[in-house]
Amino acid sequence: MTVTMTLTEELQAMTVVELVRSAQEGDRLAFGELFQRYRPGIVALALRRVRNADEAEELAQDVFIQAMEKIGQLRVPEAFGGWLRRIVHRMAINRLTRRPPTHACDPETLEATCFAIGTPDDVALHREEAAGVRAAVDQLGIMDRQTLQAFYMNGQSLIEMSEAFDAPVGTIKRRLHVARKRLAKHMDVAQAV
């Protein structure tokens, strides 16, 4: 009795190494099987990195597109899973540093926020205060200004700032503390005038 397997069953029976080698030779079905096997794990990893389900799905798609384009460069087929994880890590960092964070908001929160703005006098006062803060930040040195902007305006974590400034987290904390004190001093001088 001979057993004939369908193409799908043959692909499912192949090892990762066999699938990678076939994909490197241009077999799109083999890459499709790799996609099916690794997609759930890659989406989960992407979700841990970007903390947004829609972004994670989009990132996973981008990862597999890049993997498909660059699979010929993978020298060790056994390392396919780790190679994909490195692509996720690198692309997540790129995505987070190049795109401003998006925040979804339900209608009730949006409505409450709109009413929280207050009267036109409150809006004018808020704008004046914001202009005062911006003016005080502009008077700071470049390191203080970059540190405050990275933390408060760009929303970077201490770890992200540590990587961006190529400095230990403790140094970043100290810079942030010093920059806040200098900003407060500039604000006090500006209010006294």
C-alpha atoms as a PDB file:
ATOM      1  CA  MET A   1       0.000   0.000   0.000  1.00  0.00           C
ATOM      2  CA  THR A   2       1.521   3.307  -1.091  1.00  0.00           C
ATOM      3  CA  VAL A   3       0.702   6.500   0.637  1.00  0.00           C
ATOM      4  CA  THR A   4       0.629   9.613  -1.461  1.00  0.00           C
ATOM      5  CA  MET A   5       0.995  12.922   0.274  1.00  0.00           C
ATOM      6  CA  THR A   6      -0.377  16.210  -0.890  1.00  0.00           C
ATOM      7  CA  LEU A   7       1.985  19.127  -1.397  1.00  0.00           C
ATOM      8  CA  THR A   8       0.756  20.721   1.840  1.00  0.00           C
ATOM      9  CA  GLU A   9       1.396  17.517   3.782  1.00  0.00           C
ATOM     10  CA  GLU A  10       4.876  17.272   2.242  1.00  0.00           C
ATOM     11  CA  LEU A  11       5.665  20.822   3.312  1.00  0.00           C
ATOM     12  CA  GLN A  12       4.363  20.169   6.811  1.00  0.00           C
ATOM     13  CA  ALA A  13       6.551  17.073   7.067  1.00  0.00           C
ATOM     14  CA  MET A  14       9.719  19.006   6.162  1.00  0.00           C
ATOM     15  CA  THR A  15      12.114  20.236   8.826  1.00  0.00           C
ATOM     16  CA  VAL A  16      12.854  23.914   9.251  1.00  0.00           C
ATOM     17  CA  VAL A  17      16.294  23.424   7.732  1.00  0.00           C
ATOM     18  CA  GLU A  18      14.801  21.768   4.639  1.00  0.00           C
ATOM     19  CA  LEU A  19      12.217  24.536   4.337  1.00  0.00           C
ATOM     20  CA  VAL A  20      14.837  27.267   4.653  1.00  0.00           C
ATOM     21  CA  ARG A  21      17.053  25.657   2.026  1.00  0.00           C
ATOM     22  CA  SER A  22      14.069  25.306  -0.317  1.00  0.00           C
ATOM     23  CA  ALA A  23      13.062  28.919   0.310  1.00  0.00           C
ATOM     24  CA  GLN A  24      16.634  30.016  -0.416  1.00  0.00           C
ATOM     25  CA  GLU A  25      16.316  28.280  -3.770  1.00  0.00           C
ATOM     26  CA  GLY A  26      13.191  30.331  -4.511  1.00  0.00           C
ATOM     27  CA  ASP A  27      10.435  27.982  -3.306  1.00  0.00           C
ATOM     28  CA  ARG A  28       7.673  30.358  -2.169  1.00  0.00           C
ATOM     29  CA  LEU A  29       5.562  27.520  -0.800  1.00  0.00           C
ATOM     30  CA  ALA A  30       8.397  26.525   1.507  1.00  0.00           C
ATOM     31  CA  PHE A  31       8.638  30.118   2.751  1.00  0.00           C
ATOM     32  CA  GLY A  32       4.857  30.120   3.188  1.00  0.00           C
ATOM     33  CA  GLU A  33       5.183  27.082   5.455  1.00  0.00           C
ATOM     34  CA  LEU A  34       7.900  28.854   7.461  1.00  0.00           C
ATOM     35  CA  PHE A  35       5.542  31.815   7.747  1.00  0.00           C
ATOM     36  CA  GLN A  36       2.763  29.570   9.058  1.00  0.00           C
ATOM     37  CA  ARG A  37       5.047  27.964  11.631  1.00  0.00           C
ATOM     38  CA  TYR A  38       6.736  31.102  12.921  1.00  0.00           C
ATOM     39  CA  ARG A  39       4.006  33.745  12.566  1.00  0.00           C
ATOM     40  CA  PRO A  40       2.361  33.280  16.007  1.00  0.00           C
ATOM     41  CA  GLY A  41       5.676  33.554  17.834  1.00  0.00           C
ATOM     42  CA  ILE A  42       6.810  36.547  15.786  1.00  0.00           C
ATOM     43  CA  VAL A  43       3.529  38.380  16.373  1.00  0.00           C
ATOM     44  CA  ALA A  44       3.822  37.676  20.115  1.00  0.00           C
ATOM     45  CA  LEU A  45       7.404  38.964  20.182  1.00  0.00           C
ATOM     46  CA  ALA A  46       6.417  42.042  18.174  1.00  0.00           C
ATOM     47  CA  LEU A  47       3.558  42.694  20.602  1.00  0.00           C
ATOM     48  CA  ARG A  48       5.990  42.615  23.532  1.00  0.00           C
ATOM     49  CA  ARG A  49       8.186  45.122  21.719  1.00  0.00           C
ATOM     50  CA  VAL A  50       5.612  47.646  20.438  1.00  0.00           C
ATOM     51  CA  ARG A  51       2.775  47.031  22.958  1.00  0.00           C
ATOM     52  CA  ASN A  52       0.033  47.531  20.380  1.00  0.00           C
ATOM     53  CA  ALA A  53      -1.753  44.639  18.656  1.00  0.00           C
ATOM     54  CA  ASP A  54      -2.257  46.415  15.326  1.00  0.00           C
ATOM     55  CA  GLU A  55       1.354  47.633  15.265  1.00  0.00           C
ATOM     56  CA  ALA A  56       2.528  44.117  16.156  1.00  0.00           C
ATOM     57  CA  GLU A  57       0.616  42.580  13.236  1.00  0.00           C
ATOM     58  CA  GLU A  58       2.014  45.185  10.867  1.00  0.00           C
ATOM     59  CA  LEU A  59       5.528  44.720  12.235  1.00  0.00           C
ATOM     60  CA  ALA A  60       5.276  40.932  11.841  1.00  0.00           C
ATOM     61  CA  GLN A  61       4.251  41.366   8.202  1.00  0.00           C
ATOM     62  CA  ASP A  62       7.207  43.687   7.617  1.00  0.00           C
ATOM     63  CA  VAL A  63       9.539  41.189   9.304  1.00  0.00           C
ATOM     64  CA  PHE A  64       8.425  38.355   7.036  1.00  0.00           C
ATOM     65  CA  ILE A  65       8.701  40.553   3.941  1.00  0.00           C
ATOM     66  CA  GLN A  66      12.263  41.439   4.879  1.00  0.00           C
ATOM     67  CA  ALA A  67      13.023  37.816   5.749  1.00  0.00           C
ATOM     68  CA  MET A  68      11.719  36.672   2.371  1.00  0.00           C
ATOM     69  CA  GLU A  69      13.866  39.256   0.592  1.00  0.00           C
ATOM     70  CA  LYS A  70      17.005  38.455   2.612  1.00  0.00           C
ATOM     71  CA  ILE A  71      16.677  34.692   3.189  1.00  0.00           C
ATOM     72  CA  GLY A  72      19.486  34.074   0.709  1.00  0.00           C
ATOM     73  CA  GLN A  73      21.837  35.835   3.139  1.00  0.00           C
ATOM     74  CA  LEU A  74      21.095  33.371   5.966  1.00  0.00           C
ATOM     75  CA  ARG A  75      24.177  31.142   6.114  1.00  0.00           C
ATOM     76  CA  VAL A  76      23.018  28.764   8.852  1.00  0.00           C
ATOM     77  CA  PRO A  77      19.506  27.458   8.148  1.00  0.00           C
ATOM     78  CA  GLU A  78      19.300  26.062  11.683  1.00  0.00           C
ATOM     79  CA  ALA A  79      19.432  29.650  12.987  1.00  0.00           C
ATOM     80  CA  PHE A  80      16.259  30.747  11.157  1.00  0.00           C
ATOM     81  CA  GLY A  81      14.209  31.335  14.330  1.00  0.00           C
ATOM     82  CA  GLY A  82      16.915  33.423  16.007  1.00  0.00           C
ATOM     83  CA  TRP A  83      17.498  35.313  12.778  1.00  0.00           C
ATOM     84  CA  LEU A  84      13.794  36.217  12.624  1.00  0.00           C
ATOM     85  CA  ARG A  85      13.860  37.357  16.264  1.00  0.00           C
ATOM     86  CA  ARG A  86      16.811  39.661  15.549  1.00  0.00           C
ATOM     87  CA  ILE A  87      14.897  41.156  12.619  1.00  0.00           C
ATOM     88  CA  VAL A  88      11.883  41.745  14.909  1.00  0.00           C
ATOM     89  CA  HIS A  89      14.070  43.398  17.527  1.00  0.00           C
ATOM     90  CA  ARG A  90      15.816  45.683  15.021  1.00  0.00           C
ATOM     91  CA  MET A  91      12.642  46.630  13.158  1.00  0.00           C
ATOM     92  CA  ALA A  92      10.746  47.283  16.414  1.00  0.00           C
ATOM     93  CA  ILE A  93      13.448  49.680  17.565  1.00  0.00           C
ATOM     94  CA  ASN A  94      13.349  51.442  14.191  1.00  0.00           C
ATOM     95  CA  ARG A  95       9.570  51.647  14.288  1.00  0.00           C
ATOM     96  CA  LEU A  96       9.468  53.003  17.834  1.00  0.00           C
ATOM     97  CA  THR A  97      12.138  55.620  17.254  1.00  0.00           C
ATOM     98  CA  ARG A  98      10.834  56.837  13.897  1.00  0.00           C
ATOM     99  CA  ARG A  99       7.115  56.934  14.611  1.00  0.00           C
ATOM    100  CA  PRO A 100       5.484  58.997  17.304  1.00  0.00           C
ATOM    101  CA  PRO A 101       3.377  56.923  19.680  1.00  0.00           C
ATOM    102  CA  THR A 102      -0.284  56.692  18.788  1.00  0.00           C
ATOM    103  CA  HIS A 103      -2.909  56.692  21.465  1.00  0.00           C
ATOM    104  CA  ALA A 104      -6.398  55.359  20.890  1.00  0.00           C
ATOM    105  CA  CYS A 105      -9.154  57.065  22.806  1.00  0.00           C
ATOM    106  CA  ASP A 106     -12.731  56.097  23.458  1.00  0.00           C
ATOM    107  CA  PRO A 107     -15.441  58.764  22.866  1.00  0.00           C
ATOM    108  CA  GLU A 108     -16.136  59.297  26.581  1.00  0.00           C
ATOM    109  CA  THR A 109     -12.487  60.056  27.320  1.00  0.00           C
ATOM    110  CA  LEU A 110     -12.261  62.336  24.308  1.00  0.00           C
ATOM    111  CA  GLU A 111     -15.358  64.235  25.410  1.00  0.00           C
ATOM    112  CA  ALA A 112     -14.085  64.547  28.988  1.00  0.00           C
ATOM    113  CA  THR A 113     -10.748  65.821  27.713  1.00  0.00           C
ATOM    114  CA  CYS A 114     -12.396  68.432  25.532  1.00  0.00           C
ATOM    115  CA  PHE A 115     -14.437  69.733  28.461  1.00  0.00           C
ATOM    116  CA  ALA A 116     -11.390  69.643  30.709  1.00  0.00           C
ATOM    117  CA  ILE A 117      -9.704  72.310  28.585  1.00  0.00           C
ATOM    118  CA  GLY A 118     -11.982  74.915  30.112  1.00  0.00           C
ATOM    119  CA  THR A 119     -12.778  78.474  29.214  1.00  0.00           C
ATOM    120  CA  PRO A 120     -10.974  80.589  26.621  1.00  0.00           C
ATOM    121  CA  ASP A 121      -9.143  82.283  29.521  1.00  0.00           C
ATOM    122  CA  ASP A 122      -7.919  78.859  30.698  1.00  0.00           C
ATOM    123  CA  VAL A 123      -6.738  78.031  27.183  1.00  0.00           C
ATOM    124  CA  ALA A 124      -4.891  81.357  26.904  1.00  0.00           C
ATOM    125  CA  LEU A 125      -3.262  80.834  30.311  1.00  0.00           C
ATOM    126  CA  HIS A 126      -2.209  77.312  29.337  1.00  0.00           C
ATOM    127  CA  ARG A 127      -0.668  78.610  26.100  1.00  0.00           C
ATOM    128  CA  GLU A 128       1.238  81.305  27.983  1.00  0.00           C
ATOM    129  CA  GLU A 129       2.576  78.746  30.443  1.00  0.00           C
ATOM    130  CA  ALA A 130       3.603  76.428  27.602  1.00  0.00           C
ATOM    131  CA  ALA A 131       5.348  79.318  25.826  1.00  0.00           C
ATOM    132  CA  GLY A 132       7.184  80.123  29.070  1.00  0.00           C
ATOM    133  CA  VAL A 133       8.361  76.536  29.416  1.00  0.00           C
ATOM    134  CA  ARG A 134       9.509  76.458  25.781  1.00  0.00           C
ATOM    135  CA  ALA A 135      11.389  79.754  26.241  1.00  0.00           C
ATOM    136  CA  ALA A 136      13.077  78.423  29.400  1.00  0.00           C
ATOM    137  CA  VAL A 137      14.009  75.163  27.630  1.00  0.00           C
ATOM    138  CA  ASP A 138      15.537  77.198  24.774  1.00  0.00           C
ATOM    139  CA  GLN A 139      17.807  78.946  27.301  1.00  0.00           C
ATOM    140  CA  LEU A 140      19.256  75.640  28.511  1.00  0.00           C
ATOM    141  CA  GLY A 141      22.455  74.095  27.200  1.00  0.00           C
ATOM    142  CA  ILE A 142      22.237  71.593  24.390  1.00  0.00           C
ATOM    143  CA  MET A 143      22.697  68.497  26.624  1.00  0.00           C
ATOM    144  CA  ASP A 144      19.977  69.630  29.053  1.00  0.00           C
ATOM    145  CA  ARG A 145      17.663  70.516  26.177  1.00  0.00           C
ATOM    146  CA  GLN A 146      18.199  67.180  24.393  1.00  0.00           C
ATOM    147  CA  THR A 147      17.711  65.246  27.632  1.00  0.00           C
ATOM    148  CA  LEU A 148      14.423  66.970  28.501  1.00  0.00           C
ATOM    149  CA  GLN A 149      13.122  66.724  24.942  1.00  0.00           C
ATOM    150  CA  ALA A 150      13.934  63.004  24.712  1.00  0.00           C
ATOM    151  CA  PHE A 151      12.186  62.226  28.017  1.00  0.00           C
ATOM    152  CA  TYR A 152       9.204  64.588  28.009  1.00  0.00           C
ATOM    153  CA  MET A 153       8.516  65.393  24.374  1.00  0.00           C
ATOM    154  CA  ASN A 154       9.600  62.172  22.679  1.00  0.00           C
ATOM    155  CA  GLY A 155       8.440  59.926  25.534  1.00  0.00           C
ATOM    156  CA  GLN A 156      11.648  57.876  25.582  1.00  0.00           C
ATOM    157  CA  SER A 157      12.316  55.609  28.534  1.00  0.00           C
ATOM    158  CA  LEU A 158      15.561  55.846  30.484  1.00  0.00           C
ATOM    159  CA  ILE A 159      16.795  52.709  28.731  1.00  0.00           C
ATOM    160  CA  GLU A 160      15.987  54.107  25.290  1.00  0.00           C
ATOM    161  CA  MET A 161      17.732  57.348  26.211  1.00  0.00           C
ATOM    162  CA  SER A 162      20.717  55.362  27.470  1.00  0.00           C
ATOM    163  CA  GLU A 163      21.022  53.700  24.067  1.00  0.00           C
ATOM    164  CA  ALA A 164      20.427  56.935  22.129  1.00  0.00           C
ATOM    165  CA  PHE A 165      22.929  58.985  24.159  1.00  0.00           C
ATOM    166  CA  ASP A 166      25.356  56.052  24.511  1.00  0.00           C
ATOM    167  CA  ALA A 167      25.526  56.557  28.277  1.00  0.00           C
ATOM    168  CA  PRO A 168      24.677  54.416  31.322  1.00  0.00           C
ATOM    169  CA  VAL A 169      21.164  54.697  32.769  1.00  0.00           C
ATOM    170  CA  GLY A 170      22.587  56.244  35.961  1.00  0.00           C
ATOM    171  CA  THR A 171      24.167  59.022  33.914  1.00  0.00           C
ATOM    172  CA  ILE A 172      20.873  59.620  32.121  1.00  0.00           C
ATOM    173  CA  LYS A 173      19.058  59.864  35.476  1.00  0.00           C
ATOM    174  CA  ARG A 174      21.623  62.399  36.714  1.00  0.00           C
ATOM    175  CA  ARG A 175      21.374  64.438  33.495  1.00  0.00           C
ATOM    176  CA  LEU A 176      17.587  64.451  33.756  1.00  0.00           C
ATOM    177  CA  HIS A 177      17.731  65.546  37.406  1.00  0.00           C
ATOM    178  CA  VAL A 178      20.208  68.346  36.654  1.00  0.00           C
ATOM    179  CA  ALA A 179      18.267  69.475  33.569  1.00  0.00           C
ATOM    180  CA  ARG A 180      15.043  69.685  35.613  1.00  0.00           C
ATOM    181  CA  LYS A 181      16.755  71.801  38.277  1.00  0.00           C
ATOM    182  CA  ARG A 182      18.206  74.144  35.664  1.00  0.00           C
ATOM    183  CA  LEU A 183      14.839  74.433  33.948  1.00  0.00           C
ATOM    184  CA  ALA A 184      13.170  75.250  37.274  1.00  0.00           C
ATOM    185  CA  LYS A 185      15.781  77.948  37.894  1.00  0.00           C
ATOM    186  CA  HIS A 186      15.134  79.485  34.456  1.00  0.00           C
ATOM    187  CA  MET A 187      11.391  79.335  35.093  1.00  0.00           C
ATOM    188  CA  ASP A 188      11.776  81.090  38.461  1.00  0.00           C
ATOM    189  CA  VAL A 189      13.894  83.844  36.870  1.00  0.00           C
ATOM    190  CA  ALA A 190      11.371  84.279  34.063  1.00  0.00           C
ATOM    191  CA  GLN A 191       8.449  84.544  36.505  1.00  0.00           C
ATOM    192  CA  ALA A 192      10.306  87.062  38.674  1.00  0.00           C
ATOM    193  CA  VAL A 193      10.766  89.411  35.701  1.00  0.00           C
END
